[in-house]
């Protein structure tokens, strides 16, 4: 099993940095949604 096998399991075949950026954007979007929800509930 080579070190490049994990790259074949990615949802799209691009550079690993693109995949990392995609994950960061998803996390940022989720955090933004939670923050907006808490603002609406007057928790924050």
Protein backbone atom coordinates (compact mmCIF):
# COMPACT_ATOMS: atom_id res chain seq x y z
CA UNK A 1 0.00 0.00 0.00
CA UNK A 2 1.60 3.22 -1.14
CA UNK A 3 1.32 6.66 0.38
CA UNK A 4 -0.79 7.88 -2.54
CA UNK A 5 -3.65 5.44 -1.94
CA UNK A 6 -5.53 7.88 0.27
CA UNK A 7 -5.72 10.35 -2.62
CA UNK A 8 -7.76 7.85 -4.64
CA UNK A 9 -10.50 7.91 -2.00
CA UNK A 10 -11.06 11.67 -2.34
CA UNK A 11 -14.40 12.77 -3.81
CA UNK A 12 -12.55 14.58 -6.58
CA UNK A 13 -9.11 14.01 -8.05
CA UNK A 14 -7.35 17.29 -7.43
CA UNK A 15 -4.51 18.57 -5.37
CA UNK A 16 -4.73 17.82 -1.65
CA UNK A 17 -4.63 21.56 -0.88
CA UNK A 18 -7.89 22.03 -2.81
CA UNK A 19 -9.47 19.27 -0.72
CA UNK A 20 -8.16 20.87 2.48
CA UNK A 21 -9.50 24.28 1.44
CA UNK A 22 -12.86 22.66 0.65
CA UNK A 23 -13.03 21.14 4.15
CA UNK A 24 -12.09 24.47 5.77
CA UNK A 25 -14.83 26.24 3.80
CA UNK A 26 -17.41 23.66 4.91
CA UNK A 27 -16.35 24.08 8.54
CA UNK A 28 -16.48 27.86 8.25
CA UNK A 29 -19.95 27.70 6.73
CA UNK A 30 -21.17 25.40 9.50
CA UNK A 31 -19.70 27.70 12.17
CA UNK A 32 -21.37 30.70 10.53
CA UNK A 33 -24.75 28.95 10.49
CA UNK A 34 -24.41 27.99 14.17
CA UNK A 35 -23.39 31.56 15.05
CA UNK A 36 -26.38 33.00 13.18
CA UNK A 37 -28.68 30.53 14.95
CA UNK A 38 -27.30 31.47 18.35
CA UNK A 39 -27.65 35.17 17.50
CA UNK A 40 -31.30 34.56 16.61
CA UNK A 41 -31.83 32.78 19.94
CA UNK A 42 -30.15 35.66 21.81
CA UNK A 43 -27.53 33.36 23.28
CA UNK A 44 -24.56 35.33 21.95
